[in-house]
Amino acid sequence: MNTKKNVKVFALTMLTSFLLLALFSSGMTNVRAQAQGTITILDSIGGTTDPAAGTYNYADGTSVTITATPTDPTYIFQNWVVSTDAGSSTVTDNPLVIPAVAGVTYTIQPIFIPVQAPPGAVLPSDLTTAAIVVVLASAGGTTTPPPGTYAIDNAKNLMLTATPNSGWQFVHWVISGATTSHGGEPVNLTPTDNPYNVNHGYGYTFNYQPVFIPTGSTQPTPSGGATPTPTGTIGGLSTETVIIIALVVVIIIILAAFGAYALRRRK
C-alpha cells in the first residue's frame, strides 16, 4: 500500500514539476521575445537594401540603420514605407534609422521609381546629382512633357507646358518637394508662367502639377489663397465653444432641479 502511495506521490510530483517547468519556460520565452524588436525588410523592384531583405531581431533600444541603393541606372530611391500594428507612414531619409522597440514589429519597404530623360535629352549618368522633375497629371488638361519622372543635367533646359482641355483654363502650377527652398534656387511655389521654366537645385526631387478650372469660373489667387471664414468670439472663446458650455450648464441645472424635486418627494 505504501508502495502504491509512493508511486502516486512520485507521479504527481513529476507532473507538477513538468507543468511548472513548462510555464516557466514559456514565461522566459515571452520575456525574451518582448525584450526584442523585430524588423522585416521587404524586397523592392529597382534596388536593394543593406541589410538585405529579411527578418531581423534586435535588442530593445538598438538603433538600426537601413540603406537603400538603386541597382538599375534608370531607378531612383523615392521613400520608405514603414508599417507597424499602429499604422504606416512614409519616410524620405536614406539611410533610414529605426529604433528597435521591444515587442514591436516593423515592416519596411523601400520604394524606387523609374526615371526617364525628357524628349530630346539624354538620361544623366549620375542620377544622384541630377535635377529630378516629377510631372503630375491633373483633371482638365494635359502637359508637355506628359506626366512622369524626368532626370536632367541642366534644369534650365526644361520647359513645362500646360494645355487645358476644351471648356477649361489653366490657372497656375503647384510645386512641392522635400524642401521648400526649392534646392536653393529662387522660386514661386504657385507660378502662373505657362510655359514654365524648371530651374532648381540638383540632387533634389520636385513635383509639378498644373491646376485647371472650368472656363469662366474663378479661384483665389495663388499668392493670397482662400480667405478663411471669420469665426466669432466671446470673451476670447469661439462662439461654438460658448454654445457647448452653455448647453452643459443647462443640463447641470436641469439635473440639479430634478434631484431636488426627487428629495422633496421622498420627504
Protein backbone atom coordinates (compact mmCIF):
# COMPACT_ATOMS: atom_id res chain seq x y z
CA MET A 1 0.00 0.00 0.00
CA ASN A 2 2.83 2.31 0.90
CA THR A 3 4.48 1.45 -2.39
CA LYS A 4 1.35 2.43 -4.32
CA LYS A 5 1.13 5.70 -2.39
CA ASN A 6 4.77 6.42 -3.08
CA VAL A 7 4.23 5.81 -6.78
CA LYS A 8 1.24 8.18 -6.83
CA VAL A 9 3.14 10.83 -4.91
CA PHE A 10 6.11 10.48 -7.24
CA ALA A 11 3.88 10.68 -10.32
CA LEU A 12 2.08 13.77 -9.02
CA THR A 13 5.37 15.39 -8.12
CA MET A 14 6.80 14.73 -11.57
CA LEU A 15 3.63 16.04 -13.26
CA THR A 16 3.64 19.19 -11.14
CA SER A 17 7.33 19.73 -11.85
CA PHE A 18 6.76 19.28 -15.56
CA LEU A 19 3.88 21.79 -15.58
CA LEU A 20 5.88 24.33 -13.59
CA LEU A 21 8.87 23.88 -15.89
CA ALA A 22 6.65 24.34 -18.96
CA LEU A 23 5.09 27.51 -17.53
CA PHE A 24 8.50 28.85 -16.52
CA SER A 25 9.97 28.14 -19.95
CA SER A 26 7.01 29.76 -21.65
CA GLY A 27 7.35 32.80 -19.45
CA MET A 28 11.06 33.06 -20.16
CA THR A 29 10.38 32.75 -23.89
CA ASN A 30 7.82 35.56 -23.73
CA VAL A 31 10.23 37.74 -21.74
CA ARG A 32 12.98 37.17 -24.29
CA ALA A 33 10.61 37.87 -27.18
CA GLN A 34 9.31 41.06 -25.58
CA ALA A 35 12.84 42.27 -24.91
CA GLN A 36 13.48 42.37 -28.65
CA GLY A 37 12.16 44.37 -31.55
CA THR A 38 11.59 42.80 -34.96
CA ILE A 39 12.33 44.46 -38.29
CA THR A 40 11.18 42.89 -41.54
CA ILE A 41 12.65 44.40 -44.71
CA LEU A 42 10.77 43.68 -47.94
CA ASP A 43 12.13 43.32 -51.45
CA SER A 44 11.51 46.11 -53.92
CA ILE A 45 11.85 46.44 -57.69
CA GLY A 46 14.70 48.70 -58.78
CA GLY A 47 17.01 48.46 -55.79
CA THR A 48 18.38 46.64 -52.76
CA THR A 49 18.88 47.34 -49.07
CA ASP A 50 21.65 46.93 -46.53
CA PRO A 51 20.89 44.84 -44.52
CA ALA A 52 19.30 42.71 -47.22
CA ALA A 53 15.62 41.83 -47.32
CA GLY A 54 14.67 39.52 -44.45
CA THR A 55 13.52 39.46 -40.83
CA TYR A 56 15.85 40.53 -38.01
CA ASN A 57 15.55 40.70 -34.22
CA TYR A 58 17.33 43.42 -32.25
CA ALA A 59 17.68 44.18 -28.55
CA ASP A 60 15.31 46.84 -27.23
CA GLY A 61 16.71 50.33 -27.86
CA THR A 62 19.08 49.32 -30.66
CA SER A 63 19.37 51.91 -33.46
CA VAL A 64 19.16 50.07 -36.78
CA THR A 65 20.43 51.77 -39.94
CA ILE A 66 19.00 50.64 -43.28
CA THR A 67 20.33 51.93 -46.60
CA ALA A 68 18.51 51.77 -49.94
CA THR A 69 20.55 51.60 -53.15
CA PRO A 70 19.14 51.57 -56.70
CA THR A 71 20.59 48.70 -58.72
CA ASP A 72 19.18 49.80 -62.06
CA PRO A 73 20.54 53.06 -63.56
CA THR A 74 17.02 54.06 -64.57
CA TYR A 75 15.66 53.97 -61.00
CA ILE A 76 15.96 56.37 -58.09
CA PHE A 77 15.05 55.92 -54.43
CA GLN A 78 11.82 57.72 -53.52
CA ASN A 79 10.89 56.84 -49.93
CA TRP A 80 10.38 54.12 -47.34
CA VAL A 81 7.02 52.74 -46.27
CA VAL A 82 7.29 51.92 -42.56
CA SER A 83 4.42 49.91 -41.05
CA THR A 84 3.57 48.65 -37.57
CA ASP A 85 0.35 47.48 -35.93
CA ALA A 86 -0.37 51.15 -35.21
CA GLY A 87 -0.37 52.11 -38.91
CA SER A 88 2.05 53.13 -41.65
CA SER A 89 3.98 56.20 -42.71
CA THR A 90 6.40 57.32 -45.43
CA VAL A 91 9.96 58.43 -44.69
CA THR A 92 12.29 60.03 -47.23
CA ASP A 93 15.53 59.81 -45.21
CA ASN A 94 18.14 57.50 -46.69
CA PRO A 95 19.79 55.84 -44.79
CA LEU A 96 16.82 55.17 -42.52
CA VAL A 97 17.44 54.86 -38.77
CA ILE A 98 14.88 52.79 -36.85
CA PRO A 99 14.99 52.38 -33.03
CA ALA A 100 14.12 48.77 -32.17
CA VAL A 101 11.31 48.66 -29.61
CA ALA A 102 10.62 45.56 -27.52
CA GLY A 103 7.54 43.71 -28.72
CA VAL A 104 7.11 45.90 -31.83
CA THR A 105 7.42 44.55 -35.37
CA TYR A 106 8.37 46.98 -38.15
CA THR A 107 7.70 46.12 -41.78
CA ILE A 108 9.83 48.30 -44.04
CA GLN A 109 9.85 48.56 -47.82
CA PRO A 110 11.95 50.88 -49.97
CA ILE A 111 10.22 52.44 -52.97
CA PHE A 112 12.22 53.01 -56.13
CA ILE A 113 10.71 54.79 -59.12
CA PRO A 114 11.78 54.66 -62.78
CA VAL A 115 13.08 57.84 -64.37
CA GLN A 116 13.47 58.92 -67.98
CA ALA A 117 15.05 61.73 -69.92
CA PRO A 118 12.81 64.50 -71.25
CA PRO A 119 12.09 64.31 -75.01
CA GLY A 120 15.23 65.14 -76.95
CA ALA A 121 17.55 64.80 -73.95
CA VAL A 122 19.83 62.06 -72.64
CA LEU A 123 19.47 60.43 -69.24
CA PRO A 124 22.22 61.69 -66.88
CA SER A 125 24.88 59.15 -65.96
CA ASP A 126 24.67 60.07 -62.27
CA LEU A 127 21.10 60.44 -61.03
CA THR A 128 22.21 61.48 -57.53
CA THR A 129 23.38 64.87 -58.87
CA ALA A 130 20.62 65.32 -61.45
CA ALA A 131 17.54 67.50 -61.21
CA ILE A 132 14.56 65.18 -60.77
CA VAL A 133 11.29 66.60 -62.09
CA VAL A 134 8.03 64.76 -61.41
CA VAL A 135 5.18 65.96 -63.64
CA LEU A 136 1.82 65.06 -62.12
CA ALA A 137 -1.44 64.60 -64.00
CA SER A 138 -4.35 66.94 -63.38
CA ALA A 139 -8.03 66.99 -64.31
CA GLY A 140 -8.96 69.43 -67.05
CA GLY A 141 -5.84 69.37 -69.18
CA THR A 142 -2.55 67.83 -70.26
CA THR A 143 1.14 68.65 -70.00
CA THR A 144 4.19 68.64 -72.23
CA PRO A 145 6.18 66.59 -71.42
CA PRO A 146 3.45 64.19 -70.26
CA PRO A 147 3.16 63.06 -66.61
CA GLY A 148 6.20 61.09 -65.49
CA THR A 149 9.51 61.33 -63.64
CA TYR A 150 12.36 63.00 -65.52
CA ALA A 151 16.05 63.42 -64.77
CA ILE A 152 18.07 66.19 -66.40
CA ASP A 153 21.62 67.56 -66.18
CA ASN A 154 20.55 71.16 -66.74
CA ALA A 155 17.15 72.07 -65.32
CA LYS A 156 17.16 75.37 -67.21
CA ASN A 157 16.66 73.47 -70.45
CA LEU A 158 13.28 72.01 -69.46
CA MET A 159 10.07 73.93 -70.14
CA LEU A 160 6.75 72.64 -68.79
CA THR A 161 3.66 73.48 -70.82
CA ALA A 162 0.10 73.10 -69.55
CA THR A 163 -2.64 72.70 -72.19
CA PRO A 164 -6.24 72.94 -70.95
CA ASN A 165 -8.97 70.79 -72.43
CA SER A 166 -11.99 72.37 -74.11
CA GLY A 167 -14.06 74.21 -71.51
CA TRP A 168 -11.14 74.53 -69.08
CA GLN A 169 -8.48 77.16 -68.39
CA PHE A 170 -5.02 76.99 -66.84
CA VAL A 171 -4.57 78.82 -63.53
CA HIS A 172 -1.15 78.02 -62.09
CA TRP A 173 1.35 75.29 -61.19
CA VAL A 174 1.74 73.75 -57.75
CA ILE A 175 5.34 72.91 -56.86
CA SER A 176 6.16 70.62 -53.94
CA GLY A 177 9.19 68.70 -52.79
CA ALA A 178 11.37 67.59 -49.93
CA THR A 179 12.46 71.18 -49.25
CA THR A 180 10.52 74.38 -49.72
CA SER A 181 13.76 76.20 -50.55
CA HIS A 182 13.50 74.54 -53.98
CA GLY A 183 17.11 73.46 -53.90
CA GLY A 184 18.39 76.90 -53.07
CA GLU A 185 17.03 78.43 -56.28
CA PRO A 186 14.64 81.41 -56.21
CA VAL A 187 11.16 80.08 -56.81
CA ASN A 188 7.44 80.79 -56.53
CA LEU A 189 5.70 77.59 -55.42
CA THR A 190 2.50 78.54 -57.31
CA PRO A 191 3.81 80.16 -60.52
CA THR A 192 1.42 81.24 -63.26
CA ASP A 193 4.01 81.13 -66.06
CA ASN A 194 2.99 78.89 -68.95
CA PRO A 195 5.28 77.51 -70.28
CA TYR A 196 7.20 77.31 -67.01
CA ASN A 197 11.00 77.10 -66.98
CA VAL A 198 12.11 74.45 -64.49
CA ASN A 199 15.17 75.65 -62.66
CA HIS A 200 16.02 74.22 -59.25
CA GLY A 201 18.90 72.74 -57.29
CA TYR A 202 20.38 69.40 -58.21
CA GLY A 203 20.18 66.23 -56.19
CA TYR A 204 16.59 67.13 -55.30
CA THR A 205 13.18 65.90 -56.42
CA PHE A 206 10.30 68.30 -57.04
CA ASN A 207 6.73 67.70 -58.14
CA TYR A 208 4.95 69.93 -60.64
CA GLN A 209 1.18 69.79 -61.12
CA PRO A 210 -0.92 72.12 -63.27
CA VAL A 211 -4.20 73.45 -61.92
CA PHE A 212 -7.10 73.80 -64.37
CA ILE A 213 -10.55 75.22 -63.65
CA PRO A 214 -13.71 75.36 -65.78
CA THR A 215 -13.74 78.32 -68.15
CA GLY A 216 -15.48 81.32 -66.61
CA SER A 217 -15.15 80.13 -63.02
CA THR A 218 -12.94 81.90 -60.52
CA GLN A 219 -10.41 80.79 -57.95
CA PRO A 220 -8.49 82.66 -55.24
CA THR A 221 -5.15 83.94 -56.39
CA PRO A 222 -2.28 81.55 -55.58
CA SER A 223 -0.35 84.13 -53.55
CA GLY A 224 -3.20 85.05 -51.21
CA GLY A 225 -5.04 81.78 -51.04
CA ALA A 226 -8.60 81.44 -49.84
CA THR A 227 -9.76 83.81 -47.14
CA PRO A 228 -10.83 81.81 -44.09
CA THR A 229 -14.37 82.26 -42.84
CA PRO A 230 -14.31 84.55 -39.78
CA THR A 231 -15.08 82.81 -36.51
CA GLY A 232 -16.92 84.81 -33.83
CA THR A 233 -15.50 85.01 -30.32
CA ILE A 234 -17.00 85.81 -26.91
CA GLY A 235 -14.59 86.64 -24.12
CA GLY A 236 -11.74 85.14 -26.14
CA LEU A 237 -13.64 81.89 -26.73
CA SER A 238 -15.11 80.86 -30.06
CA THR A 239 -18.88 81.04 -30.48
CA GLU A 240 -19.05 77.25 -30.83
CA THR A 241 -17.21 76.76 -27.52
CA VAL A 242 -19.53 79.18 -25.70
CA ILE A 243 -22.61 77.35 -27.03
CA ILE A 244 -21.27 74.00 -25.84
CA ILE A 245 -20.51 75.41 -22.36
CA ALA A 246 -24.00 76.92 -22.16
CA LEU A 247 -25.61 73.59 -23.06
CA VAL A 248 -23.58 71.79 -20.38
CA VAL A 249 -24.64 74.39 -17.77
CA VAL A 250 -28.32 74.00 -18.76
CA ILE A 251 -28.10 70.21 -18.44
CA ILE A 252 -26.47 70.51 -14.99
CA ILE A 253 -29.22 72.91 -13.82
CA ILE A 254 -31.96 70.54 -15.06
CA LEU A 255 -30.33 67.56 -13.32
CA ALA A 256 -29.95 69.55 -10.06
CA ALA A 257 -33.59 70.64 -10.17
CA PHE A 258 -34.73 67.09 -10.82
CA GLY A 259 -32.63 65.83 -7.90
CA ALA A 260 -34.07 68.45 -5.53
CA TYR A 261 -37.60 67.55 -6.62
CA ALA A 262 -36.93 63.85 -6.03
CA LEU A 263 -35.62 64.58 -2.50
CA ARG A 264 -38.76 66.57 -1.62
CA ARG A 265 -40.96 63.75 -2.89
CA ARG A 266 -39.18 61.27 -0.59
CA LYS A 267 -39.77 63.50 2.46
